[in-house]
PDB file of N, CA and C in Angstrom:
ATOM      1  N   MET A   1      81.686  71.367  46.698  1.00  0.00           N
ATOM      2  CA  MET A   1      80.065  70.382  47.916  1.00  0.00           C
ATOM      3  C   MET A   1      79.382  70.295  47.505  1.00  0.00           C
ATOM      4  N   ILE A   2      78.132  71.058  46.909  1.00  0.00           N
ATOM      5  CA  ILE A   2      77.167  70.861  46.462  1.00  0.00           C
ATOM      6  C   ILE A   2      76.159  71.139  45.295  1.00  0.00           C
ATOM      7  N   LEU A   3      77.417  71.222  44.164  1.00  0.00           N
ATOM      8  CA  LEU A   3      77.996  70.181  42.908  1.00  0.00           C
ATOM      9  C   LEU A   3      78.489  68.934  43.178  1.00  0.00           C
ATOM     10  N   LEU A   4      79.119  68.136  43.594  1.00  0.00           N
ATOM     11  CA  LEU A   4      78.882  66.767  44.177  1.00  0.00           C
ATOM     12  C   LEU A   4      77.549  66.154  44.546  1.00  0.00           C
ATOM     13  N   ARG A   5      76.989  66.823  45.557  1.00  0.00           N
ATOM     14  CA  ARG A   5      76.104  66.922  45.954  1.00  0.00           C
ATOM     15  C   ARG A   5      74.707  66.079  44.955  1.00  0.00           C
ATOM     16  N   GLU A   6      74.616  67.473  43.581  1.00  0.00           N
ATOM     17  CA  GLU A   6      73.490  67.332  43.061  1.00  0.00           C
ATOM     18  C   GLU A   6      74.124  66.148  42.486  1.00  0.00           C
ATOM     19  N   ALA A   7      75.360  65.956  41.759  1.00  0.00           N
ATOM     20  CA  ALA A   7      75.778  65.005  40.635  1.00  0.00           C
ATOM     21  C   ALA A   7      74.803  63.649  40.948  1.00  0.00           C
ATOM     22  N   GLY A   8      75.667  63.317  42.826  1.00  0.00           N
ATOM     23  CA  GLY A   8      75.637  62.096  43.685  1.00  0.00           C
ATOM     24  C   GLY A   8      73.910  62.075  43.145  1.00  0.00           C
ATOM     25  N   SER A   9      72.733  62.658  43.475  1.00  0.00           N
ATOM     26  CA  SER A   9      71.796  62.788  43.735  1.00  0.00           C
ATOM     27  C   SER A   9      71.447  62.477  42.374  1.00  0.00           C
ATOM     28  N   ALA A  10      71.890  62.733  41.132  1.00  0.00           N
ATOM     29  CA  ALA A  10      71.234  62.898  39.317  1.00  0.00           C
ATOM     30  C   ALA A  10      71.581  61.154  39.226  1.00  0.00           C
ATOM     31  N   LEU A  11      72.629  60.900  40.112  1.00  0.00           N
ATOM     32  CA  LEU A  11      73.669  59.620  39.480  1.00  0.00           C
ATOM     33  C   LEU A  11      72.126  59.020  39.573  1.00  0.00           C
ATOM     34  N   VAL A  12      72.091  59.463  41.295  1.00  0.00           N
ATOM     35  CA  VAL A  12      70.968  57.685  42.173  1.00  0.00           C
ATOM     36  C   VAL A  12      69.803  57.782  41.251  1.00  0.00           C
ATOM     37  N   MET A  13      69.117  58.907  41.241  1.00  0.00           N
ATOM     38  CA  MET A  13      67.821  58.489  40.436  1.00  0.00           C
ATOM     39  C   MET A  13      67.697  58.018  38.977  1.00  0.00           C
ATOM     40  N   GLY A  14      69.185  58.867  38.561  1.00  0.00           N
ATOM     41  CA  GLY A  14      69.186  58.260  37.428  1.00  0.00           C
ATOM     42  C   GLY A  14      69.052  56.593  37.213  1.00  0.00           C
ATOM     43  N   THR A  15      70.176  55.867  37.945  1.00  0.00           N
ATOM     44  CA  THR A  15      70.970  54.458  38.057  1.00  0.00           C
ATOM     45  C   THR A  15      69.127  53.692  38.297  1.00  0.00           C
ATOM     46  N   VAL A  16      68.292  54.671  39.856  1.00  0.00           N
ATOM     47  CA  VAL A  16      67.092  53.990  40.301  1.00  0.00           C
ATOM     48  C   VAL A  16      66.608  53.558  39.306  1.00  0.00           C
ATOM     49  N   GLY A  17      65.910  54.830  38.676  1.00  0.00           N
ATOM     50  CA  GLY A  17      64.925  55.584  37.428  1.00  0.00           C
ATOM     51  C   GLY A  17      65.216  54.147  36.089  1.00  0.00           C
ATOM     52  N   GLY A  18      66.746  54.109  35.816  1.00  0.00           N
ATOM     53  CA  GLY A  18      66.805  52.748  34.524  1.00  0.00           C
ATOM     54  C   GLY A  18      66.558  51.651  35.561  1.00  0.00           C
ATOM     55  N   SER A  19      67.019  51.142  36.407  1.00  0.00           N
ATOM     56  CA  SER A  19      66.491  50.156  36.855  1.00  0.00           C
ATOM     57  C   SER A  19      65.487  49.396  36.553  1.00  0.00           C
ATOM     58  N   ILE A  20      64.554  50.624  37.723  1.00  0.00           N
ATOM     59  CA  ILE A  20      63.099  50.378  37.360  1.00  0.00           C
ATOM     60  C   ILE A  20      62.311  49.526  35.916  1.00  0.00           C
ATOM     61  N   VAL A  21      63.186  50.903  35.073  1.00  0.00           N
ATOM     62  CA  VAL A  21      62.442  50.435  33.560  1.00  0.00           C
ATOM     63  C   VAL A  21      63.030  49.412  33.112  1.00  0.00           C
ATOM     64  N   SER A  22      64.248  48.954  33.721  1.00  0.00           N
ATOM     65  CA  SER A  22      64.715  47.491  33.340  1.00  0.00           C
ATOM     66  C   SER A  22      64.805  46.380  34.368  1.00  0.00           C
ATOM     67  N   GLN A  23      63.544  46.560  35.634  1.00  0.00           N
ATOM     68  CA  GLN A  23      63.981  45.596  36.447  1.00  0.00           C
ATOM     69  C   GLN A  23      65.128  45.092  36.775  1.00  0.00           C
ATOM     70  N   ARG A  24      66.004  45.723  37.041  1.00  0.00           N
ATOM     71  CA  ARG A  24      67.063  44.750  37.844  1.00  0.00           C
ATOM     72  C   ARG A  24      67.458  45.801  38.295  1.00  0.00           C
ATOM     73  N   TRP A  25      67.164  45.174  40.051  1.00  0.00           N
ATOM     74  CA  TRP A  25      67.107  45.632  41.043  1.00  0.00           C
ATOM     75  C   TRP A  25      68.762  45.553  41.854  1.00  0.00           C
ATOM     76  N   GLU A  26      69.160  44.430  40.889  1.00  0.00           N
ATOM     77  CA  GLU A  26      71.162  44.741  41.875  1.00  0.00           C
ATOM     78  C   GLU A  26      71.156  46.526  41.333  1.00  0.00           C
ATOM     79  N   PHE A  27      70.851  47.116  40.960  1.00  0.00           N
ATOM     80  CA  PHE A  27      71.521  48.395  40.118  1.00  0.00           C
ATOM     81  C   PHE A  27      71.332  49.044  40.869  1.00  0.00           C
ATOM     82  N   VAL A  28      69.444  49.483  41.628  1.00  0.00           N
ATOM     83  CA  VAL A  28      68.641  49.544  42.362  1.00  0.00           C
ATOM     84  C   VAL A  28      69.689  50.197  44.099  1.00  0.00           C
ATOM     85  N   VAL A  29      70.514  48.989  44.444  1.00  0.00           N
ATOM     86  CA  VAL A  29      70.940  48.242  45.308  1.00  0.00           C
ATOM     87  C   VAL A  29      72.228  49.365  45.054  1.00  0.00           C
ATOM     88  N   PHE A  30      72.898  49.247  43.949  1.00  0.00           N
ATOM     89  CA  PHE A  30      74.244  49.889  43.515  1.00  0.00           C
ATOM     90  C   PHE A  30      74.158  51.320  44.132  1.00  0.00           C
ATOM     91  N   GLY A  31      73.068  51.581  43.502  1.00  0.00           N
ATOM     92  CA  GLY A  31      73.149  52.997  43.440  1.00  0.00           C
ATOM     93  C   GLY A  31      72.984  53.847  44.717  1.00  0.00           C
ATOM     94  N   VAL A  32      71.571  53.049  45.466  1.00  0.00           N
ATOM     95  CA  VAL A  32      71.912  53.665  46.781  1.00  0.00           C
ATOM     96  C   VAL A  32      72.808  53.165  47.484  1.00  0.00           C
ATOM     97  N   GLY A  33      73.613  51.906  47.134  1.00  0.00           N
ATOM     98  CA  GLY A  33      74.494  52.142  48.465  1.00  0.00           C
ATOM     99  C   GLY A  33      76.153  52.761  47.955  1.00  0.00           C
ATOM    100  N   LEU A  34      76.019  53.604  46.612  1.00  0.00           N
ATOM    101  CA  LEU A  34      76.657  54.488  46.160  1.00  0.00           C
ATOM    102  C   LEU A  34      76.576  55.974  46.265  1.00  0.00           C
ATOM    103  N   PHE A  35      75.456  55.904  46.728  1.00  0.00           N
ATOM    104  CA  PHE A  35      74.436  57.559  46.877  1.00  0.00           C
ATOM    105  C   PHE A  35      74.945  56.851  48.310  1.00  0.00           C
ATOM    106  N   LEU A  36      75.253  56.279  49.658  1.00  0.00           N
ATOM    107  CA  LEU A  36      75.153  55.629  50.566  1.00  0.00           C
ATOM    108  C   LEU A  36      76.710  56.407  51.550  1.00  0.00           C
ATOM    109  N   TRP A  37      78.140  55.244  50.037  1.00  0.00           N
ATOM    110  CA  TRP A  37      79.182  55.673  50.354  1.00  0.00           C
ATOM    111  C   TRP A  37      79.635  57.393  50.058  1.00  0.00           C
ATOM    112  N   MET A  38      79.186  57.969  49.277  1.00  0.00           N
ATOM    113  CA  MET A  38      79.722  59.385  49.114  1.00  0.00           C
ATOM    114  C   MET A  38      79.130  60.694  50.317  1.00  0.00           C
ATOM    115  N   THR A  39      77.854  59.969  50.139  1.00  0.00           N
ATOM    116  CA  THR A  39      77.170  61.082  52.101  1.00  0.00           C
ATOM    117  C   THR A  39      78.770  60.704  52.566  1.00  0.00           C
ATOM    118  N   TYR A  40      78.639  59.472  53.305  1.00  0.00           N
ATOM    119  CA  TYR A  40      79.181  59.103  54.256  1.00  0.00           C
ATOM    120  C   TYR A  40      81.115  59.839  54.165  1.00  0.00           C
ATOM    121  N   ILE A  41      81.885  59.966  52.938  1.00  0.00           N
ATOM    122  CA  ILE A  41      82.918  60.576  52.295  1.00  0.00           C
ATOM    123  C   ILE A  41      82.425  62.203  52.564  1.00  0.00           C
ATOM    124  N   LEU A  42      81.356  62.298  51.689  1.00  0.00           N
ATOM    125  CA  LEU A  42      81.139  64.495  52.065  1.00  0.00           C
ATOM    126  C   LEU A  42      81.250  64.309  53.525  1.00  0.00           C
ATOM    127  N   ILE A  43      79.995  63.734  53.951  1.00  0.00           N
ATOM    128  CA  ILE A  43      80.435  63.994  55.615  1.00  0.00           C
ATOM    129  C   ILE A  43      81.325  63.873  56.251  1.00  0.00           C
ATOM    130  N   ARG A  44      82.934  63.573  55.943  1.00  0.00           N
ATOM    131  CA  ARG A  44      83.837  63.242  56.783  1.00  0.00           C
ATOM    132  C   ARG A  44      84.674  64.351  56.039  1.00  0.00           C
ATOM    133  N   ILE A  45      84.387  64.293  54.883  1.00  0.00           N
ATOM    134  CA  ILE A  45      85.627  65.541  54.189  1.00  0.00           C
ATOM    135  C   ILE A  45      84.726  66.996  55.099  1.00  0.00           C
ATOM    136  N   GLY A  46      83.659  66.608  54.956  1.00  0.00           N
ATOM    137  CA  GLY A  46      83.290  68.464  55.969  1.00  0.00           C
ATOM    138  C   GLY A  46      83.494  68.106  57.673  1.00  0.00           C
ATOM    139  N   GLU A  47      83.976  67.128  57.819  1.00  0.00           N
ATOM    140  CA  GLU A  47      84.299  67.544  59.310  1.00  0.00           C
ATOM    141  C   GLU A  47      85.825  67.791  59.675  1.00  0.00           C
ATOM    142  N   PHE A  48      86.970  66.739  58.453  1.00  0.00           N
ATOM    143  CA  PHE A  48      87.957  67.152  58.917  1.00  0.00           C
ATOM    144  C   PHE A  48      88.614  68.456  58.276  1.00  0.00           C
ATOM    145  N   LYS A  49      87.184  69.244  57.201  1.00  0.00           N
ATOM    146  CA  LYS A  49      87.468  70.890  57.079  1.00  0.00           C
ATOM    147  C   LYS A  49      87.237  71.632  58.535  1.00  0.00           C
ATOM    148  N   LYS A  50      86.033  70.753  59.244  1.00  0.00           N
ATOM    149  CA  LYS A  50      86.090  71.844  60.497  1.00  0.00           C
ATOM    150  C   LYS A  50      87.291  72.145  60.762  1.00  0.00           C
ATOM    151  N   PRO A  51      87.354  73.776  61.843  1.00  0.00           N
ATOM    152  CA  PRO A  51      87.803  74.239  62.531  1.00  0.00           C
ATOM    153  C   PRO A  51      87.786  72.988  63.759  1.00  0.00           C
ATOM    154  N   PRO A  52      89.197  73.048  64.521  1.00  0.00           N
ATOM    155  CA  PRO A  52      89.135  72.313  65.635  1.00  0.00           C
ATOM    156  C   PRO A  52      88.296  72.908  67.152  1.00  0.00           C
ATOM    157  N   ASN A  53      87.921  72.774  67.635  1.00  0.00           N
ATOM    158  CA  ASN A  53      86.820  73.541  68.314  1.00  0.00           C
ATOM    159  C   ASN A  53      87.827  73.461  69.514  1.00  0.00           C
ATOM    160  N   ASP A  54      88.457  74.681  70.600  1.00  0.00           N
ATOM    161  CA  ASP A  54      88.974  74.177  71.423  1.00  0.00           C
ATOM    162  C   ASP A  54      88.903  74.593  72.303  1.00  0.00           C
TER     163      ASP A  54
END
């Protein structure tokens, strides 16, 4: 889980950094959107794996 989060953070930082260099803001939007989507998926997986509270 932490590896996925680290990979996501690295991917976003690389995307944002690269887009600032190339001044292509669509890549910033894509990187942020991808990060939010990955975070949402990880949260859903975490909720799914939680033991049910009876």
